[in-house]
Amino acid sequence: MAKSTDPSDAIKKKFFIGAKVKLNAGGPVMAVKEHAANENWSLGGLEIVCQWFSGKKLETGRFAPETLILVKDDAEPEKQSS
């Protein structure tokens, strides 16, 4: 089986549906809801759709993969390797 060279495949694997993520600039812990195509964004035009609670209200946002980091638990973001 041939290995995929599509960069969006690696991003989808890293930020899988249900993964806990956080903006690398801070903010609430969010859950990855889906992957969406956006031709205007980098990394193959893939954006990550996340959801989180703000009090009792469910919020949704779209983020470039470069702006997100994985979170091991609600307190400690996973360190990214360069």
N, C-alpha and C. Protein backbone atom coordinates (compact mmCIF):
# COMPACT_ATOMS: atom_id res chain seq x y z
N MET A 1 0.84 -1.17 0.00
CA MET A 1 0.00 0.00 0.00
C MET A 1 0.89 1.24 0.00
N ALA A 2 0.61 2.19 -0.88
CA ALA A 2 1.41 3.40 -0.99
C ALA A 2 1.12 4.35 0.17
N LYS A 3 2.17 4.99 0.65
CA LYS A 3 2.02 5.93 1.75
C LYS A 3 1.56 7.28 1.19
N SER A 4 0.58 7.90 1.87
CA SER A 4 0.04 9.17 1.40
C SER A 4 1.05 10.29 1.63
N THR A 5 1.14 11.20 0.66
CA THR A 5 2.01 12.36 0.80
C THR A 5 1.19 13.64 0.96
N ASP A 6 -0.12 13.50 1.06
CA ASP A 6 -1.00 14.65 1.24
C ASP A 6 -0.83 15.20 2.66
N PRO A 7 -0.39 16.46 2.81
CA PRO A 7 -0.17 17.00 4.16
C PRO A 7 -1.43 17.04 4.99
N SER A 8 -2.60 17.13 4.36
CA SER A 8 -3.83 17.17 5.14
C SER A 8 -4.11 15.84 5.82
N ASP A 9 -3.61 14.73 5.28
CA ASP A 9 -3.79 13.43 5.93
C ASP A 9 -3.09 13.38 7.28
N ALA A 10 -1.89 13.93 7.34
CA ALA A 10 -1.14 13.96 8.60
C ALA A 10 -1.84 14.86 9.62
N ILE A 11 -2.40 15.95 9.15
CA ILE A 11 -3.11 16.86 10.06
C ILE A 11 -4.37 16.20 10.58
N LYS A 12 -5.10 15.52 9.72
CA LYS A 12 -6.31 14.82 10.15
C LYS A 12 -5.99 13.74 11.17
N LYS A 13 -4.85 13.08 10.98
CA LYS A 13 -4.44 12.04 11.93
C LYS A 13 -4.06 12.66 13.28
N LYS A 14 -3.33 13.77 13.24
CA LYS A 14 -2.90 14.43 14.47
C LYS A 14 -4.08 15.03 15.21
N PHE A 15 -4.93 15.78 14.48
CA PHE A 15 -6.10 16.42 15.08
C PHE A 15 -7.35 15.60 14.72
N PHE A 16 -7.40 14.38 15.24
CA PHE A 16 -8.50 13.47 14.94
C PHE A 16 -9.80 13.98 15.58
N ILE A 17 -10.94 13.55 15.05
CA ILE A 17 -12.24 13.94 15.58
C ILE A 17 -12.32 13.51 17.05
N GLY A 18 -12.65 14.47 17.90
CA GLY A 18 -12.75 14.20 19.33
C GLY A 18 -11.50 14.55 20.11
N ALA A 19 -10.40 14.86 19.42
CA ALA A 19 -9.16 15.22 20.12
C ALA A 19 -9.35 16.51 20.90
N LYS A 20 -8.69 16.60 22.05
CA LYS A 20 -8.71 17.83 22.84
C LYS A 20 -7.59 18.73 22.33
N VAL A 21 -7.93 19.98 22.03
CA VAL A 21 -6.95 20.93 21.52
C VAL A 21 -7.13 22.27 22.23
N LYS A 22 -6.13 23.11 22.04
CA LYS A 22 -6.15 24.44 22.60
C LYS A 22 -5.42 25.35 21.62
N LEU A 23 -5.80 26.62 21.57
CA LEU A 23 -5.04 27.57 20.76
C LEU A 23 -3.65 27.71 21.37
N ASN A 24 -2.63 27.78 20.54
CA ASN A 24 -1.28 27.91 21.09
C ASN A 24 -1.08 29.24 21.81
N ALA A 25 -2.02 30.17 21.65
CA ALA A 25 -1.98 31.45 22.37
C ALA A 25 -2.80 31.40 23.66
N GLY A 26 -3.41 30.24 23.96
CA GLY A 26 -4.20 30.09 25.18
C GLY A 26 -5.67 29.93 24.86
N GLY A 27 -6.49 30.03 25.89
CA GLY A 27 -7.92 29.90 25.71
C GLY A 27 -8.43 28.59 26.26
N PRO A 28 -9.73 28.29 26.02
CA PRO A 28 -10.33 27.09 26.59
C PRO A 28 -9.89 25.82 25.85
N VAL A 29 -10.03 24.70 26.53
CA VAL A 29 -9.82 23.41 25.88
C VAL A 29 -11.03 23.17 24.98
N MET A 30 -10.76 22.74 23.75
CA MET A 30 -11.81 22.53 22.76
C MET A 30 -11.73 21.08 22.26
N ALA A 31 -12.80 20.62 21.64
CA ALA A 31 -12.83 19.29 21.02
C ALA A 31 -12.91 19.48 19.50
N VAL A 32 -12.13 18.68 18.77
CA VAL A 32 -12.19 18.71 17.30
C VAL A 32 -13.51 18.10 16.87
N LYS A 33 -14.29 18.87 16.13
CA LYS A 33 -15.59 18.42 15.65
C LYS A 33 -15.50 17.82 14.25
N GLU A 34 -14.72 18.49 13.39
CA GLU A 34 -14.58 18.02 12.00
C GLU A 34 -13.42 18.71 11.31
N HIS A 35 -13.10 18.23 10.13
CA HIS A 35 -12.09 18.84 9.26
C HIS A 35 -12.84 19.43 8.08
N ALA A 36 -12.45 20.61 7.66
CA ALA A 36 -13.16 21.26 6.56
C ALA A 36 -12.17 21.82 5.56
N ALA A 37 -12.56 21.83 4.31
CA ALA A 37 -11.71 22.39 3.25
C ALA A 37 -11.90 23.90 3.20
N ASN A 38 -10.79 24.60 3.01
CA ASN A 38 -10.81 26.04 2.82
C ASN A 38 -9.62 26.38 1.94
N GLU A 39 -9.86 26.68 0.70
CA GLU A 39 -8.79 26.90 -0.27
C GLU A 39 -7.92 28.11 0.06
N ASN A 40 -8.40 29.00 0.92
CA ASN A 40 -7.65 30.21 1.25
C ASN A 40 -6.66 30.00 2.39
N TRP A 41 -6.69 28.86 3.04
CA TRP A 41 -5.82 28.62 4.19
C TRP A 41 -4.63 27.77 3.76
N SER A 42 -3.61 27.76 4.59
CA SER A 42 -2.39 27.01 4.28
C SER A 42 -2.58 25.52 4.55
N LEU A 43 -1.51 24.77 4.41
CA LEU A 43 -1.48 23.31 4.63
C LEU A 43 -2.59 22.58 3.88
N GLY A 44 -2.63 22.82 2.59
CA GLY A 44 -3.58 22.10 1.76
C GLY A 44 -5.01 22.59 1.91
N GLY A 45 -5.19 23.75 2.51
CA GLY A 45 -6.53 24.30 2.62
C GLY A 45 -7.40 23.61 3.66
N LEU A 46 -6.80 23.00 4.66
CA LEU A 46 -7.57 22.30 5.68
C LEU A 46 -7.71 23.17 6.91
N GLU A 47 -8.92 23.26 7.44
CA GLU A 47 -9.14 23.95 8.70
C GLU A 47 -9.76 22.97 9.68
N ILE A 48 -9.55 23.23 10.95
CA ILE A 48 -10.05 22.36 12.00
C ILE A 48 -11.25 23.06 12.65
N VAL A 49 -12.38 22.38 12.65
CA VAL A 49 -13.59 22.92 13.28
C VAL A 49 -13.64 22.37 14.70
N CYS A 50 -13.70 23.28 15.67
CA CYS A 50 -13.69 22.89 17.09
C CYS A 50 -14.94 23.40 17.78
N GLN A 51 -15.26 22.75 18.90
CA GLN A 51 -16.36 23.21 19.73
C GLN A 51 -15.95 23.17 21.19
N TRP A 52 -16.56 24.06 21.98
CA TRP A 52 -16.26 24.16 23.41
C TRP A 52 -17.45 24.83 24.08
N PHE A 53 -17.49 24.72 25.40
CA PHE A 53 -18.54 25.38 26.15
C PHE A 53 -18.04 26.68 26.74
N SER A 54 -18.84 27.72 26.60
CA SER A 54 -18.62 29.01 27.23
C SER A 54 -19.77 29.16 28.21
N GLY A 55 -19.53 28.75 29.46
CA GLY A 55 -20.63 28.64 30.42
C GLY A 55 -21.49 27.47 30.00
N LYS A 56 -22.76 27.72 29.71
CA LYS A 56 -23.66 26.66 29.26
C LYS A 56 -23.87 26.69 27.74
N LYS A 57 -23.27 27.68 27.08
CA LYS A 57 -23.45 27.84 25.63
C LYS A 57 -22.37 27.10 24.85
N LEU A 58 -22.79 26.29 23.90
CA LEU A 58 -21.87 25.56 23.03
C LEU A 58 -21.41 26.50 21.92
N GLU A 59 -20.11 26.70 21.83
CA GLU A 59 -19.51 27.57 20.81
C GLU A 59 -18.81 26.71 19.77
N THR A 60 -18.67 27.24 18.57
CA THR A 60 -17.97 26.55 17.48
C THR A 60 -17.08 27.56 16.78
N GLY A 61 -15.89 27.10 16.35
CA GLY A 61 -14.98 27.96 15.62
C GLY A 61 -14.14 27.16 14.65
N ARG A 62 -13.60 27.85 13.65
CA ARG A 62 -12.74 27.23 12.63
C ARG A 62 -11.34 27.79 12.81
N PHE A 63 -10.36 26.90 12.81
CA PHE A 63 -8.98 27.31 13.09
C PHE A 63 -8.01 26.68 12.11
N ALA A 64 -6.96 27.41 11.80
CA ALA A 64 -5.86 26.86 11.01
C ALA A 64 -5.11 25.87 11.90
N PRO A 65 -4.68 24.74 11.36
CA PRO A 65 -3.97 23.75 12.17
C PRO A 65 -2.73 24.31 12.87
N GLU A 66 -2.08 25.28 12.25
CA GLU A 66 -0.86 25.86 12.83
C GLU A 66 -1.13 26.59 14.14
N THR A 67 -2.38 26.94 14.39
CA THR A 67 -2.72 27.70 15.60
C THR A 67 -3.12 26.82 16.77
N LEU A 68 -3.17 25.50 16.56
CA LEU A 68 -3.64 24.58 17.59
C LEU A 68 -2.53 23.69 18.13
N ILE A 69 -2.69 23.29 19.41
CA ILE A 69 -1.83 22.28 20.01
C ILE A 69 -2.73 21.23 20.66
N LEU A 70 -2.25 19.99 20.68
CA LEU A 70 -2.99 18.93 21.36
C LEU A 70 -2.87 19.10 22.87
N VAL A 71 -3.90 18.68 23.59
CA VAL A 71 -3.91 18.76 25.04
C VAL A 71 -4.04 17.35 25.58
N LYS A 72 -3.11 16.95 26.46
CA LYS A 72 -3.16 15.62 27.08
C LYS A 72 -4.34 15.52 28.03
N ASP A 73 -4.53 16.55 28.85
CA ASP A 73 -5.69 16.66 29.72
C ASP A 73 -6.06 18.12 29.81
N ASP A 74 -7.04 18.48 30.61
CA ASP A 74 -7.51 19.88 30.65
C ASP A 74 -6.47 20.86 31.16
N ALA A 75 -5.40 20.38 31.76
CA ALA A 75 -4.44 21.30 32.38
C ALA A 75 -3.11 21.41 31.64
N GLU A 76 -2.71 20.39 30.92
CA GLU A 76 -1.35 20.36 30.39
C GLU A 76 -1.30 20.14 28.88
N PRO A 77 -1.01 21.20 28.09
CA PRO A 77 -0.88 21.03 26.64
C PRO A 77 0.32 20.13 26.30
N GLU A 78 0.18 19.36 25.24
CA GLU A 78 1.27 18.51 24.78
C GLU A 78 2.31 19.37 24.08
N LYS A 79 3.56 19.14 24.37
CA LYS A 79 4.63 19.88 23.72
C LYS A 79 4.77 19.42 22.29
N GLN A 80 4.93 20.38 21.37
CA GLN A 80 5.10 20.04 19.96
C GLN A 80 6.58 19.94 19.65
N SER A 81 6.93 18.95 18.86
CA SER A 81 8.33 18.82 18.44
C SER A 81 8.54 19.60 17.15
N SER A 82 9.70 20.17 16.99
CA SER A 82 10.00 20.98 15.80
C SER A 82 10.61 20.13 14.73
